[in-house]
Amino acid sequence: MTVSASPVPGDPRSGEALPTDSRLTLADGGEALPTDSGLTLADGGEALPTDSGLTLERALFALAGTMTLASAVLAAFVSPWFLLLTAFVGANQWLFVLAGDCPASLVLRRRCGLRRAGE
């Protein structure tokens, strides 16, 4: 008795690759990269676990955005002098870009234990 089945797209036995827009759904509800993304996986095919926690860069981005919005609202309704807070936030962002650290990043790293995205 012989059983034949139609080939499934992307089945490695059929020699056919998945379409470029197809994604795999992980057990935890997340999405994996497309199988033909050109990235190699660690240890011969197993994906590295991704940490979706708060990184230093994400925390700094959120803090800078919050302070900028707050200073814009305060400048509009209280005093235009609150625009100096916006300038201070921008200066600290450039300090982080050029030097790798700013006062807020030092506090978040030392007091909150946040790490950079690559660490």
N, C-alpha and C. Protein backbone atom coordinates (compact mmCIF):
# COMPACT_ATOMS: atom_id res chain seq x y z
N MET A 1 0.85 -1.17 0.00
CA MET A 1 0.00 0.00 0.00
C MET A 1 0.89 1.24 0.00
N THR A 2 0.64 2.16 -0.91
CA THR A 2 1.43 3.36 -1.06
C THR A 2 0.57 4.57 -0.73
N VAL A 3 1.11 5.46 0.09
CA VAL A 3 0.41 6.68 0.46
C VAL A 3 1.15 7.85 -0.15
N SER A 4 0.45 8.67 -0.88
CA SER A 4 1.09 9.86 -1.44
C SER A 4 0.36 11.09 -0.93
N ALA A 5 1.12 12.10 -0.72
CA ALA A 5 0.55 13.36 -0.24
C ALA A 5 1.06 14.49 -1.10
N SER A 6 0.27 15.51 -1.22
CA SER A 6 0.73 16.66 -1.98
C SER A 6 1.81 17.39 -1.19
N PRO A 7 2.81 17.93 -1.87
CA PRO A 7 3.89 18.61 -1.15
C PRO A 7 3.38 19.86 -0.43
N VAL A 8 3.91 20.07 0.75
CA VAL A 8 3.58 21.25 1.54
C VAL A 8 4.59 22.34 1.23
N PRO A 9 4.15 23.57 0.92
CA PRO A 9 5.11 24.64 0.63
C PRO A 9 6.06 24.84 1.81
N GLY A 10 7.35 24.90 1.53
CA GLY A 10 8.34 25.11 2.57
C GLY A 10 8.82 23.85 3.24
N ASP A 11 8.27 22.70 2.87
CA ASP A 11 8.71 21.44 3.45
C ASP A 11 10.12 21.16 2.95
N PRO A 12 11.08 20.97 3.86
CA PRO A 12 12.46 20.77 3.43
C PRO A 12 12.62 19.54 2.54
N ARG A 13 11.74 18.56 2.69
CA ARG A 13 11.84 17.35 1.88
C ARG A 13 11.40 17.61 0.44
N SER A 14 10.59 18.64 0.23
CA SER A 14 10.13 18.92 -1.13
C SER A 14 11.12 19.78 -1.90
N GLY A 15 12.09 20.36 -1.23
CA GLY A 15 13.06 21.22 -1.89
C GLY A 15 12.52 22.59 -2.22
N GLU A 16 11.36 22.92 -1.73
CA GLU A 16 10.71 24.20 -2.03
C GLU A 16 10.84 25.11 -0.80
N ALA A 17 11.23 26.35 -1.02
CA ALA A 17 11.41 27.30 0.08
C ALA A 17 10.09 28.00 0.40
N LEU A 18 10.00 28.49 1.60
CA LEU A 18 8.83 29.27 2.00
C LEU A 18 8.81 30.60 1.26
N PRO A 19 7.65 31.16 0.98
CA PRO A 19 7.60 32.50 0.40
C PRO A 19 8.26 33.50 1.34
N THR A 20 8.76 34.61 0.78
CA THR A 20 9.50 35.56 1.59
C THR A 20 8.64 36.25 2.64
N ASP A 21 7.33 36.30 2.44
CA ASP A 21 6.49 36.99 3.41
C ASP A 21 5.91 36.03 4.46
N SER A 22 6.28 34.77 4.44
CA SER A 22 5.73 33.84 5.42
C SER A 22 6.53 33.94 6.72
N ARG A 23 5.82 33.82 7.82
CA ARG A 23 6.46 33.85 9.13
C ARG A 23 5.99 32.65 9.93
N LEU A 24 6.84 32.23 10.82
CA LEU A 24 6.50 31.14 11.71
C LEU A 24 5.98 31.71 13.01
N THR A 25 4.99 31.09 13.59
CA THR A 25 4.47 31.52 14.88
C THR A 25 5.08 30.64 15.96
N LEU A 26 5.64 31.25 16.98
CA LEU A 26 6.26 30.51 18.07
C LEU A 26 5.22 30.11 19.10
N ALA A 27 5.59 29.16 19.95
CA ALA A 27 4.66 28.67 20.96
C ALA A 27 4.23 29.74 21.95
N ASP A 28 5.10 30.71 22.21
CA ASP A 28 4.75 31.75 23.17
C ASP A 28 3.96 32.89 22.54
N GLY A 29 3.57 32.74 21.28
CA GLY A 29 2.79 33.78 20.62
C GLY A 29 3.61 34.78 19.84
N GLY A 30 4.94 34.71 19.93
CA GLY A 30 5.79 35.63 19.20
C GLY A 30 5.97 35.18 17.77
N GLU A 31 6.70 35.97 16.98
CA GLU A 31 6.95 35.62 15.59
C GLU A 31 8.44 35.38 15.39
N ALA A 32 8.75 34.41 14.58
CA ALA A 32 10.13 34.13 14.22
C ALA A 32 10.45 34.83 12.90
N LEU A 33 11.71 34.92 12.58
CA LEU A 33 12.13 35.48 11.30
C LEU A 33 11.69 34.56 10.17
N PRO A 34 11.50 35.10 8.99
CA PRO A 34 11.21 34.22 7.86
C PRO A 34 12.35 33.22 7.68
N THR A 35 12.03 32.03 7.22
CA THR A 35 13.05 30.99 7.12
C THR A 35 14.11 31.32 6.09
N ASP A 36 13.81 32.17 5.14
CA ASP A 36 14.81 32.50 4.12
C ASP A 36 15.40 33.89 4.35
N SER A 37 15.51 34.31 5.60
CA SER A 37 16.00 35.65 5.90
C SER A 37 17.51 35.77 5.73
N GLY A 38 18.20 34.65 5.59
CA GLY A 38 19.64 34.69 5.40
C GLY A 38 20.41 34.72 6.71
N LEU A 39 19.74 34.68 7.83
CA LEU A 39 20.41 34.68 9.11
C LEU A 39 20.67 33.26 9.55
N THR A 40 21.85 33.03 10.13
CA THR A 40 22.13 31.70 10.64
C THR A 40 21.76 31.65 12.11
N LEU A 41 21.34 30.52 12.54
CA LEU A 41 20.93 30.35 13.93
C LEU A 41 22.07 29.76 14.73
N ALA A 42 22.06 29.99 16.02
CA ALA A 42 23.13 29.52 16.90
C ALA A 42 23.08 28.00 17.05
N ASP A 43 24.20 27.38 17.29
CA ASP A 43 24.33 25.95 17.57
C ASP A 43 23.70 25.07 16.51
N GLY A 44 23.96 25.40 15.25
CA GLY A 44 23.52 24.54 14.18
C GLY A 44 22.03 24.49 13.96
N GLY A 45 21.33 25.54 14.22
CA GLY A 45 19.92 25.55 13.84
C GLY A 45 18.96 25.93 14.95
N GLU A 46 19.39 26.05 16.18
CA GLU A 46 18.48 26.43 17.25
C GLU A 46 18.55 27.93 17.47
N ALA A 47 17.39 28.55 17.59
CA ALA A 47 17.33 29.99 17.75
C ALA A 47 17.76 30.40 19.15
N LEU A 48 18.41 31.54 19.23
CA LEU A 48 18.77 32.10 20.53
C LEU A 48 17.53 32.68 21.20
N PRO A 49 17.38 32.53 22.50
CA PRO A 49 16.24 33.16 23.16
C PRO A 49 16.38 34.67 23.14
N THR A 50 15.30 35.35 22.89
CA THR A 50 15.34 36.81 22.87
C THR A 50 14.77 37.34 24.15
N ASP A 51 15.43 38.33 24.71
CA ASP A 51 14.98 38.95 25.94
C ASP A 51 14.16 40.18 25.57
N SER A 52 12.89 40.17 25.87
CA SER A 52 12.05 41.31 25.52
C SER A 52 11.97 42.31 26.66
N GLY A 53 12.90 42.24 27.61
CA GLY A 53 12.89 43.16 28.73
C GLY A 53 13.35 44.55 28.34
N LEU A 54 13.31 45.44 29.28
CA LEU A 54 13.67 46.82 29.06
C LEU A 54 15.20 46.96 29.01
N THR A 55 15.70 47.49 27.91
CA THR A 55 17.14 47.74 27.80
C THR A 55 17.42 49.20 28.13
N LEU A 56 18.68 49.52 28.29
CA LEU A 56 19.09 50.88 28.62
C LEU A 56 18.66 51.85 27.53
N GLU A 57 18.86 51.48 26.28
CA GLU A 57 18.50 52.37 25.18
C GLU A 57 17.00 52.64 25.13
N ARG A 58 16.19 51.58 25.33
CA ARG A 58 14.73 51.76 25.32
C ARG A 58 14.27 52.62 26.48
N ALA A 59 14.88 52.44 27.65
CA ALA A 59 14.52 53.26 28.81
C ALA A 59 14.89 54.72 28.59
N LEU A 60 16.07 54.97 28.01
CA LEU A 60 16.48 56.34 27.72
C LEU A 60 15.57 56.99 26.68
N PHE A 61 15.18 56.22 25.67
CA PHE A 61 14.29 56.75 24.64
C PHE A 61 12.94 57.11 25.25
N ALA A 62 12.42 56.26 26.11
CA ALA A 62 11.13 56.53 26.77
C ALA A 62 11.24 57.74 27.71
N LEU A 63 12.32 57.81 28.46
CA LEU A 63 12.52 58.93 29.38
C LEU A 63 12.66 60.26 28.62
N ALA A 64 13.44 60.25 27.54
CA ALA A 64 13.63 61.48 26.75
C ALA A 64 12.32 61.91 26.09
N GLY A 65 11.57 60.97 25.59
CA GLY A 65 10.29 61.30 24.97
C GLY A 65 9.30 61.87 25.97
N THR A 66 9.27 61.28 27.15
CA THR A 66 8.37 61.76 28.20
C THR A 66 8.74 63.17 28.65
N MET A 67 10.03 63.39 28.85
CA MET A 67 10.47 64.72 29.28
C MET A 67 10.25 65.77 28.20
N THR A 68 10.44 65.41 26.95
CA THR A 68 10.22 66.35 25.85
C THR A 68 8.74 66.72 25.74
N LEU A 69 7.86 65.72 25.82
CA LEU A 69 6.42 66.00 25.79
C LEU A 69 5.99 66.85 26.98
N ALA A 70 6.50 66.52 28.16
CA ALA A 70 6.14 67.29 29.35
C ALA A 70 6.61 68.73 29.23
N SER A 71 7.83 68.93 28.73
CA SER A 71 8.34 70.30 28.61
C SER A 71 7.57 71.09 27.55
N ALA A 72 7.13 70.42 26.48
CA ALA A 72 6.34 71.12 25.46
C ALA A 72 4.99 71.55 26.01
N VAL A 73 4.35 70.67 26.78
CA VAL A 73 3.06 71.02 27.39
C VAL A 73 3.23 72.15 28.41
N LEU A 74 4.26 72.04 29.23
CA LEU A 74 4.52 73.09 30.22
C LEU A 74 4.87 74.41 29.56
N ALA A 75 5.62 74.36 28.46
CA ALA A 75 5.96 75.59 27.75
C ALA A 75 4.72 76.23 27.13
N ALA A 76 3.80 75.42 26.67
CA ALA A 76 2.58 75.94 26.04
C ALA A 76 1.62 76.55 27.06
N PHE A 77 1.55 75.95 28.24
CA PHE A 77 0.52 76.37 29.20
C PHE A 77 1.04 77.13 30.42
N VAL A 78 2.33 76.99 30.74
CA VAL A 78 2.85 77.61 31.95
C VAL A 78 3.81 78.74 31.62
N SER A 79 4.95 78.38 31.03
CA SER A 79 5.97 79.38 30.73
C SER A 79 6.85 78.88 29.59
N PRO A 80 7.22 79.75 28.66
CA PRO A 80 8.12 79.33 27.58
C PRO A 80 9.51 78.96 28.07
N TRP A 81 9.84 79.28 29.29
CA TRP A 81 11.14 78.91 29.86
C TRP A 81 11.29 77.39 29.99
N PHE A 82 10.19 76.66 29.96
CA PHE A 82 10.28 75.20 30.03
C PHE A 82 10.88 74.60 28.77
N LEU A 83 11.04 75.41 27.72
CA LEU A 83 11.73 74.92 26.53
C LEU A 83 13.21 74.67 26.80
N LEU A 84 13.74 75.26 27.86
CA LEU A 84 15.12 74.95 28.26
C LEU A 84 15.25 73.48 28.66
N LEU A 85 14.18 72.91 29.21
CA LEU A 85 14.20 71.48 29.55
C LEU A 85 14.32 70.64 28.27
N THR A 86 13.64 71.04 27.22
CA THR A 86 13.75 70.34 25.93
C THR A 86 15.18 70.42 25.41
N ALA A 87 15.80 71.57 25.52
CA ALA A 87 17.19 71.71 25.08
C ALA A 87 18.12 70.84 25.92
N PHE A 88 17.88 70.76 27.20
CA PHE A 88 18.68 69.91 28.09
C PHE A 88 18.55 68.45 27.70
N VAL A 89 17.33 68.01 27.40
CA VAL A 89 17.11 66.61 26.98
C VAL A 89 17.86 66.34 25.67
N GLY A 90 17.75 67.26 24.72
CA GLY A 90 18.46 67.09 23.45
C GLY A 90 19.96 67.04 23.62
N ALA A 91 20.50 67.88 24.50
CA ALA A 91 21.94 67.88 24.76
C ALA A 91 22.39 66.56 25.37
N ASN A 92 21.59 66.02 26.27
CA ASN A 92 21.92 64.72 26.87
C ASN A 92 21.83 63.59 25.87
N GLN A 93 20.91 63.67 24.91
CA GLN A 93 20.84 62.65 23.88
C GLN A 93 22.10 62.68 23.01
N TRP A 94 22.56 63.87 22.65
CA TRP A 94 23.79 63.97 21.88
C TRP A 94 24.99 63.52 22.69
N LEU A 95 24.98 63.79 23.97
CA LEU A 95 26.07 63.32 24.84
C LEU A 95 26.12 61.80 24.83
N PHE A 96 24.96 61.15 24.88
CA PHE A 96 24.92 59.69 24.84
C PHE A 96 25.42 59.17 23.50
N VAL A 97 25.06 59.84 22.41
CA VAL A 97 25.50 59.40 21.08
C VAL A 97 27.01 59.55 20.94
N LEU A 98 27.55 60.69 21.35
CA LEU A 98 28.97 60.96 21.14
C LEU A 98 29.89 60.29 22.15
N ALA A 99 29.48 60.26 23.41
CA ALA A 99 30.37 59.72 24.45
C ALA A 99 29.99 58.32 24.90
N GLY A 100 28.79 57.86 24.56
CA GLY A 100 28.37 56.53 24.99
C GLY A 100 27.66 56.52 26.33
N ASP A 101 27.63 57.64 27.02
CA ASP A 101 26.95 57.75 28.31
C ASP A 101 26.42 59.16 28.49
N CYS A 102 25.39 59.26 29.29
CA CYS A 102 24.86 60.55 29.71
C CYS A 102 24.46 60.39 31.18
N PRO A 103 24.16 61.47 31.89
CA PRO A 103 23.81 61.33 33.30
C PRO A 103 22.66 60.34 33.55
N ALA A 104 21.65 60.37 32.70
CA ALA A 104 20.52 59.45 32.89
C ALA A 104 20.93 58.00 32.68
N SER A 105 21.81 57.74 31.71
CA SER A 105 22.24 56.36 31.46
C SER A 105 23.06 55.82 32.63
N LEU A 106 23.86 56.69 33.24
CA LEU A 106 24.64 56.25 34.41
C LEU A 106 23.72 55.89 35.57
N VAL A 107 22.70 56.70 35.79
CA VAL A 107 21.75 56.42 36.88
C VAL A 107 20.97 55.15 36.59
N LEU A 108 20.47 55.01 35.37
CA LEU A 108 19.68 53.83 35.03
C LEU A 108 20.52 52.56 35.08
N ARG A 109 21.77 52.65 34.71
CA ARG A 109 22.62 51.47 34.74
C ARG A 109 23.00 51.08 36.16
N ARG A 110 23.34 52.08 36.98
CA ARG A 110 23.82 51.77 38.34
C ARG A 110 22.68 51.50 39.32
N ARG A 111 21.64 52.30 39.28
CA ARG A 111 20.55 52.17 40.26
C ARG A 111 19.50 51.14 39.86
N CYS A 112 19.20 51.09 38.56
CA CYS A 112 18.13 50.19 38.09
C CYS A 112 18.65 48.89 37.51
N GLY A 113 19.95 48.81 37.29
CA GLY A 113 20.54 47.58 36.77
C GLY A 113 20.24 47.30 35.31
N LEU A 114 19.91 48.32 34.54
CA LEU A 114 19.62 48.12 33.12
C LEU A 114 20.92 47.92 32.35
N ARG A 115 20.83 47.12 31.31
CA ARG A 115 22.00 46.83 30.47
C ARG A 115 21.73 47.29 29.05
N ARG A 116 22.81 47.49 28.31
CA ARG A 116 22.68 47.84 26.90
C ARG A 116 22.09 46.66 26.12
N ALA A 117 21.61 46.94 24.94
CA ALA A 117 20.94 45.90 24.15
C ALA A 117 21.87 44.74 23.80
N GLY A 118 23.15 44.98 23.59
CA GLY A 118 24.07 43.92 23.21
C GLY A 118 24.68 43.15 24.35
N GLU A 119 24.46 43.57 25.56
CA GLU A 119 25.12 42.91 26.72
C GLU A 119 24.31 41.76 27.25
